[in-house]
């Protein structure tokens, strides 16, 4: 995908509250991609309590910014609790998983830059 193929799902110059760009859904993880191109992605997620993304590894650095609630993020086998207003780095090439301790929303920012 090149810059000419950028996918946007929000309008320019139209301020929005990130926390309101996805709704909670019982027993589910809901996502909305705001921007996607060859440089990376910007995606908002809503997790119902107990929902998770299984352990996986990506070759790029990614940041999780918690918008609402609380999550347990395990990075390289080390769990950490992340709360609303906090951000955490998930380094590229390191396994990670995400679990909703309570309902939570997050902004995932992934930059496609090679690690190492």
N, C-alpha and C. Protein backbone atom coordinates (compact mmCIF):
# COMPACT_ATOMS: atom_id res chain seq x y z
N UNK A 1 0.86 -1.17 0.00
CA UNK A 1 0.00 0.00 0.00
C UNK A 1 0.90 1.23 0.00
N UNK A 2 0.67 2.18 -0.87
CA UNK A 2 1.46 3.40 -0.87
C UNK A 2 0.64 4.55 -0.32
N UNK A 3 1.29 5.73 -0.15
CA UNK A 3 0.60 6.87 0.45
C UNK A 3 -0.66 7.25 -0.31
N UNK A 4 -0.69 6.98 -1.61
CA UNK A 4 -1.88 7.28 -2.39
C UNK A 4 -3.03 6.35 -2.02
N UNK A 5 -2.73 5.27 -1.32
CA UNK A 5 -3.74 4.31 -0.93
C UNK A 5 -4.03 4.38 0.57
N UNK A 6 -3.87 5.55 1.15
CA UNK A 6 -4.16 5.72 2.57
C UNK A 6 -5.65 5.55 2.82
N UNK A 7 -5.95 4.73 3.82
CA UNK A 7 -7.34 4.51 4.22
C UNK A 7 -7.60 5.39 5.44
N UNK A 8 -8.58 6.27 5.34
CA UNK A 8 -9.01 7.13 6.44
C UNK A 8 -10.48 6.87 6.73
N UNK A 9 -10.85 6.82 8.01
CA UNK A 9 -12.27 6.64 8.34
C UNK A 9 -12.80 7.82 9.16
N UNK A 10 -12.00 8.87 9.29
CA UNK A 10 -12.46 10.10 9.91
C UNK A 10 -12.17 11.26 8.96
N UNK A 11 -12.94 12.30 9.07
CA UNK A 11 -12.78 13.45 8.18
C UNK A 11 -11.73 14.41 8.74
N UNK A 12 -10.93 15.01 7.86
CA UNK A 12 -9.97 16.03 8.30
C UNK A 12 -10.71 17.23 8.89
N UNK A 13 -10.07 17.93 9.82
CA UNK A 13 -10.60 19.15 10.43
C UNK A 13 -11.97 18.93 11.07
N UNK A 14 -12.19 17.72 11.63
CA UNK A 14 -13.45 17.38 12.30
C UNK A 14 -13.09 16.73 13.64
N UNK A 15 -12.85 17.54 14.68
CA UNK A 15 -12.41 17.00 15.97
C UNK A 15 -13.38 15.96 16.52
N UNK A 16 -12.81 14.89 17.06
CA UNK A 16 -13.59 13.81 17.66
C UNK A 16 -12.95 13.40 18.98
N UNK A 17 -13.74 12.90 19.90
CA UNK A 17 -13.22 12.33 21.13
C UNK A 17 -12.89 10.87 20.85
N UNK A 18 -11.60 10.50 21.01
CA UNK A 18 -11.17 9.14 20.72
C UNK A 18 -12.01 8.09 21.44
N UNK A 19 -12.30 8.36 22.69
CA UNK A 19 -13.02 7.38 23.51
C UNK A 19 -14.42 7.07 22.96
N UNK A 20 -14.95 7.96 22.14
CA UNK A 20 -16.30 7.75 21.59
C UNK A 20 -16.30 7.18 20.17
N UNK A 21 -15.14 6.83 19.64
CA UNK A 21 -15.08 6.32 18.26
C UNK A 21 -15.39 4.83 18.14
N UNK A 22 -15.45 4.12 19.26
CA UNK A 22 -15.94 2.74 19.28
C UNK A 22 -16.83 2.57 20.50
N UNK A 23 -17.78 1.67 20.40
CA UNK A 23 -18.67 1.37 21.51
C UNK A 23 -18.32 0.01 22.09
N UNK A 24 -18.63 -0.18 23.37
CA UNK A 24 -18.47 -1.50 23.99
C UNK A 24 -19.55 -2.42 23.44
N UNK A 25 -19.19 -3.70 23.30
CA UNK A 25 -20.14 -4.72 22.87
C UNK A 25 -19.93 -5.92 23.76
N UNK A 26 -20.99 -6.43 24.37
CA UNK A 26 -20.90 -7.53 25.32
C UNK A 26 -20.16 -8.73 24.72
N UNK A 27 -19.17 -9.23 25.46
CA UNK A 27 -18.44 -10.42 25.06
C UNK A 27 -17.56 -10.27 23.83
N UNK A 28 -17.21 -9.02 23.48
CA UNK A 28 -16.50 -8.80 22.22
C UNK A 28 -15.35 -7.80 22.34
N UNK A 29 -14.51 -7.84 21.31
CA UNK A 29 -13.52 -6.82 21.05
C UNK A 29 -13.96 -6.13 19.77
N UNK A 30 -14.09 -4.81 19.82
CA UNK A 30 -14.51 -4.02 18.66
C UNK A 30 -13.35 -3.13 18.26
N UNK A 31 -13.09 -3.03 16.95
CA UNK A 31 -12.01 -2.15 16.50
C UNK A 31 -12.49 -1.27 15.35
N UNK A 32 -11.84 -0.11 15.25
CA UNK A 32 -12.10 0.81 14.15
C UNK A 32 -10.76 1.39 13.71
N UNK A 33 -10.37 1.11 12.49
CA UNK A 33 -9.15 1.65 11.94
C UNK A 33 -9.40 3.08 11.51
N UNK A 34 -8.60 4.00 12.05
CA UNK A 34 -8.74 5.42 11.71
C UNK A 34 -7.87 5.80 10.54
N UNK A 35 -6.69 5.19 10.46
CA UNK A 35 -5.76 5.46 9.38
C UNK A 35 -4.94 4.20 9.13
N UNK A 36 -4.73 3.90 7.85
CA UNK A 36 -3.89 2.76 7.48
C UNK A 36 -3.20 3.08 6.17
N UNK A 37 -1.87 3.00 6.17
CA UNK A 37 -1.10 3.12 4.94
C UNK A 37 0.23 2.40 5.12
N UNK A 38 1.14 2.56 4.18
CA UNK A 38 2.40 1.82 4.25
C UNK A 38 3.26 2.22 5.45
N UNK A 39 2.98 3.36 6.06
CA UNK A 39 3.76 3.82 7.21
C UNK A 39 3.27 3.25 8.53
N UNK A 40 2.02 2.81 8.59
CA UNK A 40 1.51 2.25 9.84
C UNK A 40 0.01 2.34 9.93
N UNK A 41 -0.47 2.13 11.16
CA UNK A 41 -1.91 2.15 11.42
C UNK A 41 -2.21 2.89 12.71
N UNK A 42 -3.43 3.39 12.78
CA UNK A 42 -3.97 4.04 13.96
C UNK A 42 -5.35 3.43 14.15
N UNK A 43 -5.55 2.68 15.25
CA UNK A 43 -6.78 1.93 15.44
C UNK A 43 -7.29 2.09 16.86
N UNK A 44 -8.59 2.31 17.01
CA UNK A 44 -9.23 2.39 18.32
C UNK A 44 -9.92 1.05 18.58
N UNK A 45 -9.74 0.53 19.80
CA UNK A 45 -10.34 -0.74 20.21
C UNK A 45 -11.19 -0.54 21.46
N UNK A 46 -12.27 -1.34 21.58
CA UNK A 46 -13.06 -1.46 22.80
C UNK A 46 -13.09 -2.94 23.18
N UNK A 47 -12.74 -3.25 24.43
CA UNK A 47 -12.73 -4.62 24.93
C UNK A 47 -13.75 -4.75 26.05
N UNK A 48 -14.60 -5.75 25.98
CA UNK A 48 -15.45 -6.05 27.12
C UNK A 48 -14.58 -6.74 28.18
N UNK A 49 -14.99 -6.68 29.44
CA UNK A 49 -14.23 -7.29 30.53
C UNK A 49 -13.93 -8.75 30.22
N UNK A 50 -12.67 -9.15 30.41
CA UNK A 50 -12.25 -10.53 30.19
C UNK A 50 -11.84 -10.85 28.77
N UNK A 51 -12.13 -9.97 27.82
CA UNK A 51 -11.75 -10.21 26.44
C UNK A 51 -10.25 -9.97 26.26
N UNK A 52 -9.66 -10.60 25.23
CA UNK A 52 -8.21 -10.51 25.07
C UNK A 52 -7.80 -10.66 23.61
N UNK A 53 -6.59 -10.20 23.35
CA UNK A 53 -5.89 -10.51 22.11
C UNK A 53 -4.80 -11.50 22.50
N UNK A 54 -4.76 -12.64 21.85
CA UNK A 54 -3.79 -13.67 22.22
C UNK A 54 -2.36 -13.22 21.93
N UNK A 55 -1.43 -13.92 22.53
CA UNK A 55 -0.02 -13.58 22.39
C UNK A 55 0.42 -13.67 20.93
N UNK A 56 1.12 -12.63 20.49
CA UNK A 56 1.61 -12.59 19.11
C UNK A 56 2.81 -11.64 19.05
N UNK A 57 3.48 -11.65 17.92
CA UNK A 57 4.65 -10.79 17.71
C UNK A 57 4.50 -10.10 16.37
N UNK A 58 4.85 -8.82 16.33
CA UNK A 58 4.89 -8.07 15.07
C UNK A 58 6.28 -7.46 14.93
N UNK A 59 6.72 -7.21 13.71
CA UNK A 59 8.08 -6.70 13.52
C UNK A 59 8.25 -5.21 13.73
N UNK A 60 7.19 -4.52 14.18
CA UNK A 60 7.23 -3.07 14.30
C UNK A 60 6.88 -2.62 15.71
N UNK A 61 7.39 -1.45 16.11
CA UNK A 61 7.03 -0.87 17.40
C UNK A 61 5.56 -0.47 17.40
N UNK A 62 4.91 -0.66 18.54
CA UNK A 62 3.52 -0.26 18.68
C UNK A 62 3.32 0.34 20.07
N UNK A 63 2.42 1.32 20.14
CA UNK A 63 2.08 1.96 21.40
C UNK A 63 0.60 1.73 21.69
N UNK A 64 0.30 1.41 22.95
CA UNK A 64 -1.08 1.35 23.42
C UNK A 64 -1.29 2.51 24.36
N UNK A 65 -2.30 3.31 24.06
CA UNK A 65 -2.72 4.40 24.94
C UNK A 65 -4.11 4.03 25.43
N UNK A 66 -4.25 3.83 26.74
CA UNK A 66 -5.55 3.45 27.30
C UNK A 66 -6.40 4.70 27.45
N UNK A 67 -7.60 4.65 26.87
CA UNK A 67 -8.53 5.78 26.86
C UNK A 67 -9.57 5.69 27.97
N UNK A 68 -9.89 4.45 28.37
CA UNK A 68 -10.93 4.22 29.37
C UNK A 68 -10.68 2.85 29.98
N UNK A 69 -10.89 2.71 31.28
CA UNK A 69 -10.77 1.42 31.92
C UNK A 69 -9.35 1.01 32.23
N UNK A 70 -9.12 -0.31 32.21
CA UNK A 70 -7.84 -0.86 32.64
C UNK A 70 -7.57 -2.18 31.91
N UNK A 71 -6.29 -2.38 31.57
CA UNK A 71 -5.89 -3.60 30.87
C UNK A 71 -4.60 -4.15 31.45
N UNK A 72 -4.41 -5.44 31.26
CA UNK A 72 -3.13 -6.06 31.56
C UNK A 72 -2.46 -6.35 30.22
N UNK A 73 -1.30 -5.77 30.02
CA UNK A 73 -0.52 -5.97 28.80
C UNK A 73 0.71 -6.77 29.20
N UNK A 74 0.92 -7.89 28.55
CA UNK A 74 2.10 -8.71 28.84
C UNK A 74 3.04 -8.56 27.66
N UNK A 75 4.26 -8.09 27.94
CA UNK A 75 5.26 -7.81 26.92
C UNK A 75 6.50 -8.62 27.25
N UNK A 76 6.86 -9.55 26.36
CA UNK A 76 8.02 -10.39 26.62
C UNK A 76 7.91 -11.17 27.90
N UNK A 77 6.69 -11.60 28.25
CA UNK A 77 6.46 -12.39 29.46
C UNK A 77 6.27 -11.56 30.72
N UNK A 78 6.44 -10.24 30.65
CA UNK A 78 6.30 -9.36 31.81
C UNK A 78 4.96 -8.64 31.78
N UNK A 79 4.05 -8.95 32.74
CA UNK A 79 2.76 -8.27 32.76
C UNK A 79 2.87 -6.87 33.36
N UNK A 80 2.07 -5.95 32.83
CA UNK A 80 1.95 -4.62 33.43
C UNK A 80 0.50 -4.19 33.32
N UNK A 81 0.06 -3.43 34.30
CA UNK A 81 -1.28 -2.90 34.30
C UNK A 81 -1.24 -1.49 33.73
N UNK A 82 -2.12 -1.21 32.78
CA UNK A 82 -2.17 0.09 32.13
C UNK A 82 -3.59 0.63 32.31
N UNK A 83 -3.66 1.89 32.79
CA UNK A 83 -4.95 2.51 33.10
C UNK A 83 -5.21 3.70 32.19
N UNK A 84 -6.45 4.18 32.22
CA UNK A 84 -6.84 5.34 31.41
C UNK A 84 -5.84 6.47 31.61
N UNK A 85 -5.40 7.04 30.49
CA UNK A 85 -4.44 8.14 30.52
C UNK A 85 -3.00 7.70 30.43
N UNK A 86 -2.74 6.38 30.46
CA UNK A 86 -1.38 5.87 30.39
C UNK A 86 -1.09 5.28 29.02
N UNK A 87 0.21 5.21 28.69
CA UNK A 87 0.67 4.68 27.41
C UNK A 87 1.79 3.68 27.68
N UNK A 88 1.89 2.67 26.83
CA UNK A 88 2.95 1.67 26.97
C UNK A 88 3.47 1.29 25.59
N UNK A 89 4.78 1.07 25.52
CA UNK A 89 5.43 0.65 24.27
C UNK A 89 5.50 -0.87 24.22
N UNK A 90 5.14 -1.42 23.08
CA UNK A 90 5.33 -2.84 22.79
C UNK A 90 6.38 -2.90 21.68
N UNK A 91 7.62 -3.21 22.03
CA UNK A 91 8.69 -3.19 21.02
C UNK A 91 8.47 -4.24 19.93
N UNK A 92 8.85 -3.89 18.72
CA UNK A 92 8.77 -4.83 17.61
C UNK A 92 9.64 -6.05 17.89
N UNK A 93 9.18 -7.20 17.45
CA UNK A 93 9.93 -8.44 17.62
C UNK A 93 9.81 -9.06 18.99
N UNK A 94 9.03 -8.46 19.89
CA UNK A 94 8.83 -8.99 21.25
C UNK A 94 7.36 -9.41 21.37
N UNK A 95 7.13 -10.63 21.86
CA UNK A 95 5.75 -11.11 21.98
C UNK A 95 4.98 -10.27 22.99
N UNK A 96 3.68 -10.14 22.73
CA UNK A 96 2.82 -9.40 23.64
C UNK A 96 1.39 -9.91 23.54
N UNK A 97 0.63 -9.65 24.60
CA UNK A 97 -0.80 -9.96 24.60
C UNK A 97 -1.51 -8.92 25.43
N UNK A 98 -2.82 -8.79 25.20
CA UNK A 98 -3.64 -7.76 25.83
C UNK A 98 -4.86 -8.43 26.43
N UNK A 99 -5.16 -8.09 27.71
CA UNK A 99 -6.34 -8.65 28.37
C UNK A 99 -7.07 -7.55 29.13
N UNK A 100 -8.38 -7.51 28.98
CA UNK A 100 -9.20 -6.51 29.66
C UNK A 100 -9.46 -6.94 31.10
N UNK A 101 -8.83 -6.26 32.06
CA UNK A 101 -9.08 -6.49 33.48
C UNK A 101 -10.50 -6.04 33.80
N UNK A 102 -10.89 -4.94 33.19
CA UNK A 102 -12.26 -4.43 33.19
C UNK A 102 -12.50 -3.92 31.77
N UNK A 103 -13.71 -3.52 31.48
CA UNK A 103 -13.93 -2.96 30.13
C UNK A 103 -12.92 -1.84 29.90
N UNK A 104 -12.33 -1.83 28.71
CA UNK A 104 -11.40 -0.75 28.42
C UNK A 104 -11.36 -0.44 26.94
N UNK A 105 -10.90 0.79 26.65
CA UNK A 105 -10.72 1.24 25.28
C UNK A 105 -9.28 1.70 25.13
N UNK A 106 -8.74 1.48 23.93
CA UNK A 106 -7.36 1.86 23.69
C UNK A 106 -7.18 2.38 22.27
N UNK A 107 -6.15 3.19 22.12
CA UNK A 107 -5.68 3.62 20.81
C UNK A 107 -4.38 2.89 20.55
N UNK A 108 -4.33 2.14 19.46
CA UNK A 108 -3.13 1.42 19.06
C UNK A 108 -2.49 2.19 17.91
N UNK A 109 -1.24 2.59 18.12
CA UNK A 109 -0.47 3.29 17.09
C UNK A 109 0.70 2.42 16.72
N UNK A 110 0.76 2.01 15.45
CA UNK A 110 1.86 1.17 14.99
C UNK A 110 2.62 1.90 13.90
N UNK A 111 3.93 2.01 14.10
CA UNK A 111 4.82 2.62 13.12
C UNK A 111 5.60 1.53 12.43
N UNK A 112 5.52 1.45 11.16
CA UNK A 112 6.23 0.41 10.42
C UNK A 112 7.67 0.82 10.15
N UNK A 113 8.46 0.71 11.21
CA UNK A 113 9.90 0.94 11.12
C UNK A 113 10.57 -0.34 11.59
N UNK A 114 11.55 -0.79 10.87
CA UNK A 114 12.24 -2.03 11.22
C UNK A 114 12.93 -1.88 12.57
N UNK A 115 12.90 -2.94 13.35
CA UNK A 115 13.56 -2.98 14.66
C UNK A 115 14.87 -3.71 14.50
N UNK A 116 15.92 -3.18 15.14
CA UNK A 116 17.21 -3.88 15.18
C UNK A 116 18.09 -3.70 14.01
